[in-house]
Amino acid sequence: MQHRPTSVGQASRIQGVTSAAISLLLVYLKKKSLQKPS
């Protein structure tokens, strides 16, 4: 089954998703938002 949560809060409630995975997701999203557009 594939999930497509619309928020980090929803992602954190998916069974099997750890707090470490959420932390990595937040770091990835932050880095992506700071990148300059190509």
N, C-alpha and C. Protein backbone atom coordinates (compact mmCIF):
# COMPACT_ATOMS: atom_id res chain seq x y z
N MET A 1 0.83 -1.17 0.00
CA MET A 1 0.00 0.00 0.00
C MET A 1 0.88 1.25 0.00
N GLN A 2 0.51 2.23 -0.79
CA GLN A 2 1.29 3.46 -0.90
C GLN A 2 0.53 4.59 -0.22
N HIS A 3 1.26 5.39 0.55
CA HIS A 3 0.65 6.51 1.26
C HIS A 3 1.13 7.81 0.64
N ARG A 4 0.25 8.81 0.63
CA ARG A 4 0.62 10.14 0.17
C ARG A 4 0.06 11.16 1.17
N PRO A 5 0.72 11.27 2.32
CA PRO A 5 0.24 12.22 3.32
C PRO A 5 0.38 13.66 2.83
N THR A 6 -0.55 14.51 3.25
CA THR A 6 -0.50 15.91 2.83
C THR A 6 0.24 16.78 3.82
N SER A 7 0.63 16.21 4.96
CA SER A 7 1.38 16.98 5.94
C SER A 7 2.35 16.07 6.69
N VAL A 8 3.30 16.68 7.38
CA VAL A 8 4.25 15.91 8.18
C VAL A 8 3.51 15.22 9.33
N GLY A 9 2.49 15.87 9.86
CA GLY A 9 1.70 15.28 10.93
C GLY A 9 1.03 13.98 10.49
N GLN A 10 0.48 13.99 9.29
CA GLN A 10 -0.13 12.77 8.76
C GLN A 10 0.93 11.70 8.53
N ALA A 11 2.08 12.10 8.04
CA ALA A 11 3.16 11.13 7.80
C ALA A 11 3.60 10.48 9.10
N SER A 12 3.61 11.24 10.18
CA SER A 12 4.06 10.69 11.46
C SER A 12 3.08 9.67 12.03
N ARG A 13 1.84 9.70 11.56
CA ARG A 13 0.85 8.75 12.06
C ARG A 13 0.77 7.46 11.25
N ILE A 14 1.55 7.36 10.18
CA ILE A 14 1.57 6.14 9.37
C ILE A 14 2.31 5.06 10.15
N GLN A 15 1.69 3.89 10.24
CA GLN A 15 2.30 2.79 10.98
C GLN A 15 3.65 2.43 10.37
N GLY A 16 4.66 2.30 11.22
CA GLY A 16 5.99 1.93 10.77
C GLY A 16 6.92 3.11 10.51
N VAL A 17 6.37 4.33 10.50
CA VAL A 17 7.20 5.51 10.31
C VAL A 17 7.72 5.95 11.67
N THR A 18 9.04 6.01 11.80
CA THR A 18 9.65 6.34 13.08
C THR A 18 9.87 7.85 13.21
N SER A 19 10.12 8.28 14.43
CA SER A 19 10.42 9.70 14.65
C SER A 19 11.72 10.09 13.95
N ALA A 20 12.65 9.15 13.83
CA ALA A 20 13.89 9.42 13.11
C ALA A 20 13.60 9.67 11.62
N ALA A 21 12.70 8.91 11.06
CA ALA A 21 12.34 9.09 9.65
C ALA A 21 11.68 10.45 9.43
N ILE A 22 10.86 10.87 10.37
CA ILE A 22 10.21 12.18 10.28
C ILE A 22 11.27 13.28 10.36
N SER A 23 12.25 13.11 11.23
CA SER A 23 13.33 14.09 11.35
C SER A 23 14.11 14.21 10.05
N LEU A 24 14.41 13.07 9.43
CA LEU A 24 15.11 13.09 8.15
C LEU A 24 14.27 13.77 7.07
N LEU A 25 12.99 13.51 7.09
CA LEU A 25 12.08 14.13 6.13
C LEU A 25 12.08 15.65 6.29
N LEU A 26 12.05 16.12 7.53
CA LEU A 26 12.06 17.55 7.79
C LEU A 26 13.37 18.20 7.32
N VAL A 27 14.49 17.52 7.54
CA VAL A 27 15.78 18.04 7.07
C VAL A 27 15.80 18.12 5.55
N TYR A 28 15.31 17.08 4.89
CA TYR A 28 15.26 17.05 3.43
C TYR A 28 14.40 18.20 2.89
N LEU A 29 13.23 18.38 3.49
CA LEU A 29 12.32 19.43 3.03
C LEU A 29 12.92 20.82 3.26
N LYS A 30 13.60 21.00 4.38
CA LYS A 30 14.24 22.29 4.67
C LYS A 30 15.33 22.59 3.65
N LYS A 31 16.19 21.59 3.37
CA LYS A 31 17.26 21.79 2.39
C LYS A 31 16.68 22.09 1.01
N LYS A 32 15.64 21.39 0.66
CA LYS A 32 15.02 21.58 -0.66
C LYS A 32 14.43 22.99 -0.78
N SER A 33 13.86 23.49 0.31
CA SER A 33 13.26 24.83 0.26
C SER A 33 14.32 25.92 0.20
N LEU A 34 15.55 25.63 0.65
CA LEU A 34 16.62 26.63 0.65
C LEU A 34 17.41 26.65 -0.65
N GLN A 35 17.23 25.64 -1.50
CA GLN A 35 17.95 25.58 -2.77
C GLN A 35 17.46 26.69 -3.70
N LYS A 36 18.40 27.24 -4.45
CA LYS A 36 18.03 28.26 -5.42
C LYS A 36 17.40 27.58 -6.63
N PRO A 37 16.37 28.18 -7.19
CA PRO A 37 15.76 27.60 -8.39
C PRO A 37 16.76 27.57 -9.55
N SER A 38 16.71 26.51 -10.32
CA SER A 38 17.66 26.36 -11.45
C SER A 38 17.25 27.21 -12.62
